[in-house]
């Protein structure tokens, strides 16, 4: 065995770099500890003797998980003042309600100052708080600089007055105390609007979290109801698949945010009340469902289809967890003669797990996929069969959920027929309720760039008299890139569009200077 030689001078500089970084990190942590101790000392000097121990405990817990680099930039006075100011703000909170303040701290009035605007929130600890609040702040075009988010164990009297701040290991109600530093806002109206927005978001979170289990219970009751006579007027295979799909939703594949029932044709009022964020009757799922006769005839026909499930998108974006348009899962209610007399809607978001799973493993989608493959008549081991499966596996998940069988088959086979052809192609799906149009544009991968995507979006907005809601790009080893544009439209004002003509306009927009030169040369001199 060869003996290992000592490393020459200079070798191992990476380790020295790590050692240096470690020393810097250690120094920052030491500085943080010293600054927090000085802040505690200031509290001891300034607070009444009866409050000193609680104030010092608060300062320790408040900054315990704050990065040392952020604490190291502050003075002991500001660290103490910020924590004690928050303590005063949290002193009283009505049970079951969140408390929100957005302000610019003033040294004379608040005991501390900051170059940033401060958002402070005191509420019961619940899921989705940090991401939902952060999304709302970002949507207000405010830059977040720091989030401090201790979970405090507290004791309050029945009026909401704060008594003790308990230690982390002690039993008691948990509260989320959030202090968020954002870019400085000087307009008082902007501060008030942000506070109002955040209060609305927190109210939505509370409604969804409080009714999460009741909504799941309703779902289970509806699954059981489908097993009892009279059976819905759908084939037994589809009925069984729908039941499996609803159970799949309940298996951590759907974030339940709201529930509401709609009754048609003067039927009795729904037996169950609205739940979650749909407790608020002003919160729409779809405009017009309360008065079905007021909707266009084609929309009424869609609502009254003898199909059990409706899977689509809500008009509104979620204020909770993600800012995507919410998913709406509808279960039609039938009379004994098979007429549709109502719809029960669950509103929420498919989880990231639902989007990442193979469609062959998802109830309802697996049935769609199997029927498309059978209808195409392509053996899975052939080149075209493998290509078809790849298209289905990578197809936008929302399109798989929402498109009907015939439309999905035509689109998928159209994409299959593109294969290696280097051309721009368009596939359009109109929302049956006329709220949006989903456009899939395939373009040679080497031609794709952001400018082309934006140009396509403008042409699609003009064609469908709408506005771009969102867009997605899919790039893999295939020769074609896929751009999906969701165009938000106005019911009754969506023009009839010739898709072939629109596709030609997109193709013209995607042609490069060399394409035009080649065409001109071919016309003049032949291929």
Protein backbone atom coordinates (compact mmCIF):
# COMPACT_ATOMS: atom_id res chain seq x y z
CA UNK A 1 0.00 0.00 0.00
CA UNK A 2 1.38 3.41 -0.92
CA UNK A 3 2.01 5.89 1.82
CA UNK A 4 0.00 9.13 1.62
CA UNK A 5 2.17 12.19 1.27
CA UNK A 6 1.50 15.44 3.06
CA UNK A 7 -0.33 17.97 0.92
CA UNK A 8 1.92 20.67 -0.49
CA UNK A 9 1.52 24.26 0.55
CA UNK A 10 -1.61 25.82 -0.91
CA UNK A 11 -3.51 22.54 -1.22
CA UNK A 12 -6.63 22.40 0.94
CA UNK A 13 -7.51 26.08 0.52
CA UNK A 14 -11.17 24.99 0.28
CA UNK A 15 -10.96 23.72 3.85
CA UNK A 16 -9.41 26.97 4.97
CA UNK A 17 -12.24 28.75 3.20
CA UNK A 18 -14.74 26.67 5.13
CA UNK A 19 -12.84 27.39 8.34
CA UNK A 20 -12.93 31.11 7.55
CA UNK A 21 -16.65 30.99 6.83
CA UNK A 22 -17.16 29.06 10.04
CA UNK A 23 -15.27 31.68 12.03
CA UNK A 24 -17.36 34.46 10.47
CA UNK A 25 -20.56 32.56 11.23
CA UNK A 26 -19.41 31.91 14.78
CA UNK A 27 -18.52 35.56 15.25
CA UNK A 28 -21.94 36.65 14.01
CA UNK A 29 -23.67 34.22 16.35
CA UNK A 30 -21.56 35.49 19.25
CA UNK A 31 -22.48 39.06 18.33
CA UNK A 32 -26.18 38.10 18.13
CA UNK A 33 -26.05 36.58 21.63
CA UNK A 34 -24.33 39.68 23.00
CA UNK A 35 -26.83 42.07 21.35
CA UNK A 36 -29.82 40.11 22.63
CA UNK A 37 -28.33 40.11 26.14
CA UNK A 38 -27.89 43.89 25.96
CA UNK A 39 -31.52 44.20 24.76
CA UNK A 40 -32.59 42.11 27.76
CA UNK A 41 -30.56 44.38 30.04
CA UNK A 42 -32.34 47.45 28.63
CA UNK A 43 -35.70 45.77 29.32
CA UNK A 44 -34.63 45.08 32.88
CA UNK A 45 -33.77 48.75 33.36
CA UNK A 46 -36.91 50.19 31.77
CA UNK A 47 -39.72 47.80 32.68
CA UNK A 48 -41.65 47.70 35.92
CA UNK A 49 -40.26 45.03 38.25
CA UNK A 50 -43.39 42.87 37.81
CA UNK A 51 -42.90 42.78 34.03
CA UNK A 52 -39.14 42.36 33.80
CA UNK A 53 -38.97 38.56 33.74
CA UNK A 54 -41.71 38.31 31.11
CA UNK A 55 -40.11 41.05 29.01
CA UNK A 56 -36.73 39.35 29.06
CA UNK A 57 -38.29 36.00 28.17
CA UNK A 58 -40.12 37.66 25.28
CA UNK A 59 -36.91 39.14 23.85
CA UNK A 60 -35.16 35.78 24.01
CA UNK A 61 -38.01 33.91 22.29
CA UNK A 62 -38.64 36.69 19.78
CA UNK A 63 -35.12 36.60 18.32
CA UNK A 64 -34.28 32.94 18.95
CA UNK A 65 -34.67 31.83 15.32
CA UNK A 66 -33.79 35.09 13.57
CA UNK A 67 -30.62 34.76 11.45
CA UNK A 68 -27.61 36.17 13.26
CA UNK A 69 -26.75 38.36 10.25
CA UNK A 70 -30.09 40.19 10.62
CA UNK A 71 -29.74 40.65 14.37
CA UNK A 72 -26.13 41.81 14.05
CA UNK A 73 -27.25 44.83 12.00
CA UNK A 74 -29.45 46.20 14.81
CA UNK A 75 -28.75 48.19 17.95
CA UNK A 76 -29.68 46.77 21.35
CA UNK A 77 -32.15 49.63 21.77
CA UNK A 78 -33.99 48.82 18.56
CA UNK A 79 -34.00 45.10 19.33
CA UNK A 80 -35.51 45.77 22.74
CA UNK A 81 -37.91 48.44 21.50
CA UNK A 82 -39.22 46.32 18.61
CA UNK A 83 -39.96 43.33 20.85
CA UNK A 84 -41.60 45.39 23.62
CA UNK A 85 -43.63 47.38 21.08
CA UNK A 86 -44.96 44.11 19.63
CA UNK A 87 -45.73 42.91 23.16
CA UNK A 88 -47.85 46.02 23.77
CA UNK A 89 -49.60 45.48 20.43
CA UNK A 90 -50.37 41.85 21.33
CA UNK A 91 -51.62 42.74 24.81
CA UNK A 92 -55.28 42.41 23.87
CA UNK A 93 -56.83 40.33 21.09
CA UNK A 94 -60.45 39.32 20.75
CA UNK A 95 -60.83 35.52 20.73
CA UNK A 96 -61.04 34.03 17.25
CA UNK A 97 -59.86 37.18 15.49
CA UNK A 98 -56.53 38.21 14.03
CA UNK A 99 -54.90 41.49 14.90
CA UNK A 100 -53.01 43.35 12.16
CA UNK A 101 -50.93 46.52 12.19
CA UNK A 102 -48.95 48.09 9.33
CA UNK A 103 -46.90 51.11 10.38
CA UNK A 104 -43.65 53.01 10.26
CA UNK A 105 -42.20 52.92 13.80
CA UNK A 106 -41.20 56.20 15.37
CA UNK A 107 -38.58 56.35 18.09
CA UNK A 108 -40.50 58.84 20.22
CA UNK A 109 -43.89 57.17 19.89
CA UNK A 110 -42.93 53.49 19.65
CA UNK A 111 -39.60 53.25 21.43
CA UNK A 112 -37.71 52.15 18.33
CA UNK A 113 -37.24 53.01 14.67
CA UNK A 114 -36.66 51.20 11.41
CA UNK A 115 -35.85 52.18 7.83
CA UNK A 116 -38.55 49.69 6.76
CA UNK A 117 -42.32 49.57 7.09
CA UNK A 118 -43.40 46.99 9.66
CA UNK A 119 -46.26 44.49 9.38
CA UNK A 120 -47.31 42.94 12.68
CA UNK A 121 -49.80 40.10 13.05
CA UNK A 122 -51.08 38.29 16.12
CA UNK A 123 -53.38 35.32 15.50
CA UNK A 124 -53.99 31.75 16.51
CA UNK A 125 -51.35 29.46 15.07
CA UNK A 126 -52.70 27.84 11.89
CA UNK A 127 -51.40 26.28 8.68
CA UNK A 128 -50.67 28.43 5.62
CA UNK A 129 -49.98 31.66 7.53
CA UNK A 130 -46.46 32.54 6.39
CA UNK A 131 -46.83 31.66 2.71
CA UNK A 132 -50.29 33.26 2.41
CA UNK A 133 -49.26 36.50 4.12
CA UNK A 134 -46.05 36.67 2.10
CA UNK A 135 -47.97 36.16 -1.16
CA UNK A 136 -50.41 38.93 -0.26
CA UNK A 137 -47.55 41.31 0.52
CA UNK A 138 -45.77 40.45 -2.72
CA UNK A 139 -49.02 40.93 -4.65
CA UNK A 140 -49.12 44.45 -3.20
CA UNK A 141 -45.71 44.98 -4.83
CA UNK A 142 -43.93 45.32 -1.51
CA UNK A 143 -40.48 43.80 -1.10
CA UNK A 144 -40.06 41.61 2.00
CA UNK A 145 -36.76 42.14 3.85
CA UNK A 146 -37.22 40.03 6.98
CA UNK A 147 -39.78 37.70 8.54
CA UNK A 148 -39.75 37.07 12.29
CA UNK A 149 -42.24 34.40 13.24
CA UNK A 150 -42.10 33.02 16.78
CA UNK A 151 -44.87 30.66 17.91
CA UNK A 152 -45.80 31.88 21.37
CA UNK A 153 -47.52 29.87 24.10
CA UNK A 154 -49.80 32.32 25.87
CA UNK A 155 -52.45 32.66 28.54
CA UNK A 156 -55.33 35.08 27.94
CA UNK A 157 -58.44 35.84 29.97
CA UNK A 158 -61.94 35.52 28.41
CA UNK A 159 -61.79 39.11 27.15
CA UNK A 160 -58.57 38.40 25.24
CA UNK A 161 -56.24 40.25 27.61
CA UNK A 162 -52.74 38.75 27.60
CA UNK A 163 -51.63 37.27 30.89
CA UNK A 164 -48.52 35.13 30.79
CA UNK A 165 -46.03 34.30 28.08
CA UNK A 166 -45.32 30.66 28.79
CA UNK A 167 -42.14 28.80 28.08
CA UNK A 168 -41.86 26.72 24.88
CA UNK A 169 -42.32 23.46 26.83
CA UNK A 170 -45.36 24.67 28.78
CA UNK A 171 -48.92 23.81 27.81
CA UNK A 172 -51.28 26.46 26.51
CA UNK A 173 -52.79 27.98 23.38
CA UNK A 174 -50.29 28.65 20.59
CA UNK A 175 -50.29 32.00 18.82
CA UNK A 176 -48.45 33.08 15.71
CA UNK A 177 -46.67 36.39 16.24
CA UNK A 178 -45.42 37.65 12.90
CA UNK A 179 -43.31 40.72 12.29
CA UNK A 180 -42.45 41.35 8.65
CA UNK A 181 -40.19 44.12 7.46
CA UNK A 182 -41.05 45.40 3.98
CA UNK A 183 -39.79 48.19 1.74
CA UNK A 184 -40.68 51.59 3.14
CA UNK A 185 -44.22 52.76 2.35
CA UNK A 186 -44.92 56.42 3.06
CA UNK A 187 -48.54 56.71 1.88
CA UNK A 188 -50.97 56.20 4.79
CA UNK A 189 -53.67 54.95 2.40
CA UNK A 190 -51.29 52.25 1.12
CA UNK A 191 -50.60 51.15 4.71
CA UNK A 192 -54.33 50.94 5.44
CA UNK A 193 -55.05 49.01 2.24
CA UNK A 194 -52.33 46.46 3.00
CA UNK A 195 -53.65 45.99 6.54
CA UNK A 196 -57.16 45.45 5.16
CA UNK A 197 -55.89 42.96 2.56
CA UNK A 198 -54.00 40.97 5.19
CA UNK A 199 -57.03 40.95 7.50
CA UNK A 200 -59.06 39.45 4.66
CA UNK A 201 -56.43 36.80 3.97
CA UNK A 202 -56.27 35.85 7.65
CA UNK A 203 -60.07 35.60 7.81
CA UNK A 204 -60.01 33.27 4.77
CA UNK A 205 -57.34 31.09 6.40
CA UNK A 206 -59.33 30.85 9.63
CA UNK A 207 -62.55 29.90 7.78
CA UNK A 208 -60.79 27.23 5.70
CA UNK A 209 -58.87 25.75 8.65
CA UNK A 210 -61.90 25.70 10.98
CA UNK A 211 -64.06 23.96 8.35
CA UNK A 212 -61.39 21.66 6.94
CA UNK A 213 -62.66 18.58 8.75
CA UNK A 214 -66.37 19.38 8.18
CA UNK A 215 -65.68 19.72 4.44
CA UNK A 216 -63.93 16.36 4.36
CA UNK A 217 -66.85 14.85 6.25
CA UNK A 218 -69.28 16.22 3.64
CA UNK A 219 -67.13 14.67 0.91
CA UNK A 220 -67.29 11.26 2.61
CA UNK A 221 -71.05 11.56 3.02
CA UNK A 222 -71.43 12.31 -0.69
CA UNK A 223 -69.29 9.29 -1.61
CA UNK A 224 -71.57 7.10 0.54
CA UNK A 225 -74.64 8.75 -1.00
CA UNK A 226 -73.49 7.66 -4.46
CA UNK A 227 -73.66 4.05 -3.31
CA UNK A 228 -77.34 4.33 -2.37
CA UNK A 229 -80.30 4.24 -4.78
CA UNK A 230 -81.34 5.90 -6.95
CA UNK A 231 -78.00 5.69 -8.75
CA UNK A 232 -76.94 8.66 -10.90
CA UNK A 233 -77.66 8.20 -14.64
CA UNK A 234 -74.05 7.33 -15.54
CA UNK A 235 -72.43 4.00 -16.47
CA UNK A 236 -71.35 1.89 -13.47
CA UNK A 237 -67.67 2.12 -14.47
CA UNK A 238 -67.79 5.94 -14.41
CA UNK A 239 -69.71 5.96 -11.14
CA UNK A 240 -67.10 3.74 -9.47
CA UNK A 241 -64.28 5.85 -10.89
CA UNK A 242 -65.91 9.06 -9.65
CA UNK A 243 -66.18 7.58 -6.14
CA UNK A 244 -62.51 6.59 -6.24
CA UNK A 245 -61.61 10.08 -7.44
CA UNK A 246 -63.45 11.70 -4.53
CA UNK A 247 -61.69 9.37 -2.08
CA UNK A 248 -58.40 10.25 -3.79
CA UNK A 249 -59.08 13.94 -3.17
CA UNK A 250 -59.51 13.18 0.51
CA UNK A 251 -56.15 11.39 0.61
CA UNK A 252 -54.07 14.60 0.89
CA UNK A 253 -54.41 15.41 -2.81
CA UNK A 254 -56.68 18.43 -2.39
CA UNK A 255 -56.51 21.43 -0.09
CA UNK A 256 -60.14 22.10 0.88
CA UNK A 257 -60.94 25.81 1.07
CA UNK A 258 -64.72 26.01 0.64
CA UNK A 259 -67.96 24.14 0.01
CA UNK A 260 -71.34 25.26 -1.33
CA UNK A 261 -74.49 23.72 -2.77
CA UNK A 262 -76.58 25.16 -5.61
CA UNK A 263 -80.21 24.15 -6.19
CA UNK A 264 -82.00 24.69 -9.53
CA UNK A 265 -85.60 24.97 -10.71
CA UNK A 266 -87.08 26.01 -7.40
CA UNK A 267 -85.81 22.94 -5.58
CA UNK A 268 -85.60 23.04 -1.80
CA UNK A 269 -82.78 24.99 -0.23
CA UNK A 270 -79.54 23.01 0.21
CA UNK A 271 -79.52 20.75 3.25
CA UNK A 272 -75.96 21.72 4.17
CA UNK A 273 -74.70 25.21 4.83
CA UNK A 274 -71.74 26.74 3.04
CA UNK A 275 -68.35 26.02 4.57
CA UNK A 276 -64.84 27.48 4.57
CA UNK A 277 -64.26 30.63 2.56
CA UNK A 278 -67.71 30.10 0.97
CA UNK A 279 -69.39 30.89 4.29
CA UNK A 280 -69.39 34.40 2.84
CA UNK A 281 -72.34 34.33 0.46
CA UNK A 282 -70.79 37.19 -1.51
CA UNK A 283 -67.88 34.93 -2.46
CA UNK A 284 -68.78 33.48 -5.89
CA UNK A 285 -67.76 30.12 -7.26
CA UNK A 286 -69.25 30.84 -10.66
CA UNK A 287 -71.29 33.89 -11.49
CA UNK A 288 -74.90 33.10 -12.38
CA UNK A 289 -75.37 29.61 -10.90
CA UNK A 290 -77.83 30.97 -8.36
CA UNK A 291 -80.09 31.93 -11.28
CA UNK A 292 -79.49 29.27 -13.91
CA UNK A 293 -82.17 30.62 -16.27
CA UNK A 294 -80.19 33.86 -16.67
CA UNK A 295 -77.25 32.04 -18.27
CA UNK A 296 -76.82 31.49 -22.03
CA UNK A 297 -78.46 28.34 -23.36
CA UNK A 298 -75.13 26.61 -24.11
CA UNK A 299 -73.98 27.23 -20.54
CA UNK A 300 -77.27 25.87 -19.20
CA UNK A 301 -76.81 22.80 -21.38
CA UNK A 302 -73.34 22.26 -19.90
CA UNK A 303 -74.60 22.59 -16.34
CA UNK A 304 -77.43 20.12 -17.03
CA UNK A 305 -75.26 17.46 -18.70
CA UNK A 306 -75.89 13.94 -17.48
CA UNK A 307 -72.36 13.68 -16.20
CA UNK A 308 -71.63 13.22 -12.54
CA UNK A 309 -68.51 15.36 -12.06
CA UNK A 310 -67.57 18.90 -13.03
CA UNK A 311 -63.88 19.74 -12.74
CA UNK A 312 -62.95 23.30 -13.61
CA UNK A 313 -61.44 26.52 -12.27
CA UNK A 314 -63.03 29.20 -10.13
CA UNK A 315 -63.24 32.81 -11.24
CA UNK A 316 -61.06 33.86 -8.33
CA UNK A 317 -57.49 33.27 -7.30
CA UNK A 318 -56.76 31.74 -3.95
CA UNK A 319 -55.65 33.98 -1.10
CA UNK A 320 -54.38 30.90 0.74
CA UNK A 321 -51.15 28.98 0.16
CA UNK A 322 -50.89 29.73 -3.60
CA UNK A 323 -52.22 32.54 -5.77
CA UNK A 324 -53.49 30.19 -8.50
CA UNK A 325 -57.10 30.18 -9.67
CA UNK A 326 -58.86 27.77 -7.34
CA UNK A 327 -59.94 24.32 -8.51
CA UNK A 328 -63.66 23.59 -8.32
CA UNK A 329 -64.87 20.00 -8.01
CA UNK A 330 -68.61 19.77 -8.66
CA UNK A 331 -70.91 16.84 -8.05
CA UNK A 332 -74.21 17.08 -9.92
CA UNK A 333 -77.41 16.16 -8.08
CA UNK A 334 -80.07 14.25 -10.04
CA UNK A 335 -83.75 13.49 -9.63
CA UNK A 336 -84.96 9.89 -9.81
CA UNK A 337 -85.74 10.53 -13.50
CA UNK A 338 -82.15 11.65 -14.18
CA UNK A 339 -82.65 15.43 -14.39
CA UNK A 340 -79.98 17.73 -12.93
CA UNK A 341 -81.43 19.78 -10.07
CA UNK A 342 -78.29 21.01 -8.34
CA UNK A 343 -74.53 20.94 -7.98
CA UNK A 344 -72.40 20.51 -4.85
CA UNK A 345 -69.05 22.29 -5.21
CA UNK A 346 -65.79 21.86 -3.32
CA UNK A 347 -63.41 24.75 -3.81
CA UNK A 348 -59.68 24.46 -3.18
CA UNK A 349 -56.34 23.58 -4.71
CA UNK A 350 -54.92 20.33 -6.00
CA UNK A 351 -51.77 19.68 -3.99
CA UNK A 352 -48.30 19.60 -5.54
CA UNK A 353 -48.36 15.83 -4.99
CA UNK A 354 -51.43 15.57 -7.22
CA UNK A 355 -49.60 17.39 -10.01
CA UNK A 356 -46.47 15.28 -9.72
CA UNK A 357 -48.12 11.86 -9.77
CA UNK A 358 -48.36 9.88 -12.99
CA UNK A 359 -51.86 10.24 -14.51
CA UNK A 360 -52.06 6.44 -14.75
CA UNK A 361 -52.25 6.38 -10.93
CA UNK A 362 -55.00 9.00 -10.54
CA UNK A 363 -58.66 7.93 -10.59
CA UNK A 364 -60.61 9.49 -13.45
CA UNK A 365 -57.44 10.47 -15.31
CA UNK A 366 -56.37 6.85 -15.61
CA UNK A 367 -59.74 6.07 -17.20
CA UNK A 368 -59.37 8.96 -19.66
CA UNK A 369 -55.84 7.93 -20.55
CA UNK A 370 -56.76 4.29 -21.03
CA UNK A 371 -59.68 5.16 -23.31
CA UNK A 372 -57.56 7.53 -25.41
CA UNK A 373 -54.89 4.86 -25.89
CA UNK A 374 -57.51 2.27 -26.80
CA UNK A 375 -59.26 4.65 -29.18
CA UNK A 376 -55.98 5.56 -30.89
CA UNK A 377 -55.32 1.87 -31.51
CA UNK A 378 -51.56 2.18 -31.04
CA UNK A 379 -49.59 -0.55 -29.34
CA UNK A 380 -47.61 0.87 -26.38
CA UNK A 381 -44.41 -0.77 -27.66
CA UNK A 382 -44.48 1.03 -31.04
CA UNK A 383 -42.83 4.37 -31.73
CA UNK A 384 -46.18 6.17 -32.01
CA UNK A 385 -47.56 4.33 -28.99
CA UNK A 386 -44.64 5.45 -26.84
CA UNK A 387 -44.94 8.99 -28.19
CA UNK A 388 -48.66 9.05 -27.32
CA UNK A 389 -47.97 7.91 -23.76
CA UNK A 390 -45.28 10.57 -23.38
CA UNK A 391 -47.71 13.25 -24.55
CA UNK A 392 -50.31 12.10 -22.02
CA UNK A 393 -47.78 11.81 -19.19
CA UNK A 394 -46.51 15.36 -19.77
CA UNK A 395 -49.82 16.95 -20.77
CA UNK A 396 -50.88 19.91 -18.59
CA UNK A 397 -52.57 18.32 -15.60
CA UNK A 398 -55.40 20.85 -15.46
CA UNK A 399 -56.20 20.11 -19.10
CA UNK A 400 -56.39 16.38 -18.36
CA UNK A 401 -58.79 17.07 -15.50
CA UNK A 402 -60.99 19.59 -17.29
CA UNK A 403 -61.17 18.60 -20.98
CA UNK A 404 -63.93 16.23 -22.05
CA UNK A 405 -63.02 12.90 -23.64
CA UNK A 406 -63.63 13.82 -27.29
CA UNK A 407 -61.82 17.14 -27.09
CA UNK A 408 -58.90 15.61 -25.24
CA UNK A 409 -58.59 12.83 -27.81
CA UNK A 410 -58.59 15.25 -30.74
CA UNK A 411 -55.97 17.47 -29.11
CA UNK A 412 -53.65 14.64 -28.10
CA UNK A 413 -53.82 12.98 -31.54
CA UNK A 414 -53.21 16.37 -33.17
CA UNK A 415 -50.08 16.78 -31.07
CA UNK A 416 -49.02 13.23 -31.93
CA UNK A 417 -49.34 14.02 -35.63
CA UNK A 418 -46.91 16.92 -35.20
CA UNK A 419 -44.15 14.62 -33.92
CA UNK A 420 -40.89 15.73 -35.56
CA UNK A 421 -42.48 18.39 -37.76
CA UNK A 422 -40.83 21.72 -37.16
CA UNK A 423 -43.87 23.97 -37.33
CA UNK A 424 -46.01 26.12 -35.06
CA UNK A 425 -49.35 24.59 -34.09
CA UNK A 426 -52.28 25.78 -31.97
CA UNK A 427 -54.83 23.81 -29.90
CA UNK A 428 -57.69 25.66 -28.23
CA UNK A 429 -60.08 24.67 -25.44
CA UNK A 430 -62.89 27.02 -24.50
CA UNK A 431 -64.24 26.96 -20.95
CA UNK A 432 -67.90 25.86 -21.15
CA UNK A 433 -68.80 28.71 -18.78
CA UNK A 434 -67.03 31.21 -21.08
CA UNK A 435 -64.66 32.49 -18.38
CA UNK A 436 -61.38 31.62 -20.10
CA UNK A 437 -59.79 30.05 -23.16
CA UNK A 438 -56.85 27.65 -22.81
CA UNK A 439 -54.42 27.83 -25.73
CA UNK A 440 -51.60 25.33 -26.29
CA UNK A 441 -49.01 26.59 -28.78
CA UNK A 442 -46.28 24.25 -30.01
CA UNK A 443 -43.18 25.89 -31.46
CA UNK A 444 -39.78 24.53 -32.59
CA UNK A 445 -37.68 24.49 -29.45
CA UNK A 446 -34.76 26.48 -30.88
CA UNK A 447 -37.12 29.32 -31.81
CA UNK A 448 -38.67 29.70 -28.38
CA UNK A 449 -37.80 32.73 -26.30
CA UNK A 450 -39.62 35.07 -23.93
CA UNK A 451 -40.22 37.69 -26.60
CA UNK A 452 -41.97 35.14 -28.82
CA UNK A 453 -44.10 33.93 -25.93
CA UNK A 454 -45.18 37.50 -25.16
CA UNK A 455 -45.96 38.11 -28.86
CA UNK A 456 -48.10 34.98 -28.97
CA UNK A 457 -49.94 36.07 -25.81
CA UNK A 458 -50.76 39.46 -27.37
CA UNK A 459 -52.17 37.82 -30.50
CA UNK A 460 -54.28 35.42 -28.41
CA UNK A 461 -55.58 38.28 -26.25
CA UNK A 462 -56.67 40.14 -29.37
CA UNK A 463 -58.27 37.07 -30.94
CA UNK A 464 -60.39 36.15 -27.91
CA UNK A 465 -61.00 39.72 -26.65
CA UNK A 466 -59.50 38.84 -23.28
CA UNK A 467 -56.48 39.27 -21.05
CA UNK A 468 -53.64 36.91 -20.30
CA UNK A 469 -54.26 35.34 -16.91
CA UNK A 470 -51.18 33.13 -16.77
CA UNK A 471 -48.79 31.24 -19.02
CA UNK A 472 -46.61 28.16 -18.70
CA UNK A 473 -43.70 26.84 -20.75
CA UNK A 474 -42.75 23.17 -21.08
CA UNK A 475 -39.34 22.22 -22.48
CA UNK A 476 -37.92 18.70 -22.63
CA UNK A 477 -35.95 16.61 -25.11
CA UNK A 478 -38.78 16.82 -27.65
CA UNK A 479 -38.14 19.01 -30.72
CA UNK A 480 -41.15 21.22 -29.91
CA UNK A 481 -41.59 23.55 -26.95
CA UNK A 482 -45.09 23.94 -25.51
CA UNK A 483 -46.51 27.28 -24.42
CA UNK A 484 -49.82 27.34 -22.58
CA UNK A 485 -51.65 30.67 -22.36
CA UNK A 486 -54.81 31.04 -20.28
CA UNK A 487 -56.81 33.98 -21.65
CA UNK A 488 -59.40 35.39 -19.26
CA UNK A 489 -62.60 36.25 -21.13
CA UNK A 490 -65.99 37.85 -20.47
CA UNK A 491 -69.07 35.68 -20.76
CA UNK A 492 -71.11 36.57 -23.82
CA UNK A 493 -68.27 38.55 -25.38
CA UNK A 494 -65.96 35.78 -26.59
CA UNK A 495 -65.62 36.07 -30.38
CA UNK A 496 -65.98 33.09 -32.65
CA UNK A 497 -62.43 32.46 -33.82
CA UNK A 498 -61.26 30.41 -36.77
CA UNK A 499 -58.47 28.39 -35.19
CA UNK A 500 -56.75 27.68 -38.52
CA UNK A 501 -56.51 31.38 -39.33
CA UNK A 502 -55.27 32.17 -35.83
CA UNK A 503 -52.67 29.41 -36.07
CA UNK A 504 -51.41 30.95 -39.31
CA UNK A 505 -51.04 34.33 -37.59
CA UNK A 506 -49.00 32.69 -34.83
CA UNK A 507 -46.87 30.89 -37.42
CA UNK A 508 -46.19 34.18 -39.21
CA UNK A 509 -45.22 35.77 -35.89
CA UNK A 510 -42.82 32.92 -35.22
CA UNK A 511 -41.01 33.07 -38.54
CA UNK A 512 -37.45 34.33 -38.40
CA UNK A 513 -35.71 36.60 -40.95
CA UNK A 514 -33.94 33.57 -42.40
CA UNK A 515 -37.32 31.79 -42.81
CA UNK A 516 -38.63 34.73 -44.81
CA UNK A 517 -35.46 34.88 -46.90
CA UNK A 518 -35.69 31.16 -47.64
CA UNK A 519 -39.33 31.53 -48.70
CA UNK A 520 -38.53 34.46 -50.96
CA UNK A 521 -35.57 32.59 -52.49
CA UNK A 522 -37.74 29.51 -53.07
CA UNK A 523 -40.36 31.61 -54.85
CA UNK A 524 -37.71 33.27 -57.02
CA UNK A 525 -35.34 30.38 -57.73
CA UNK A 526 -37.16 27.18 -56.69
CA UNK A 527 -36.16 24.75 -53.94
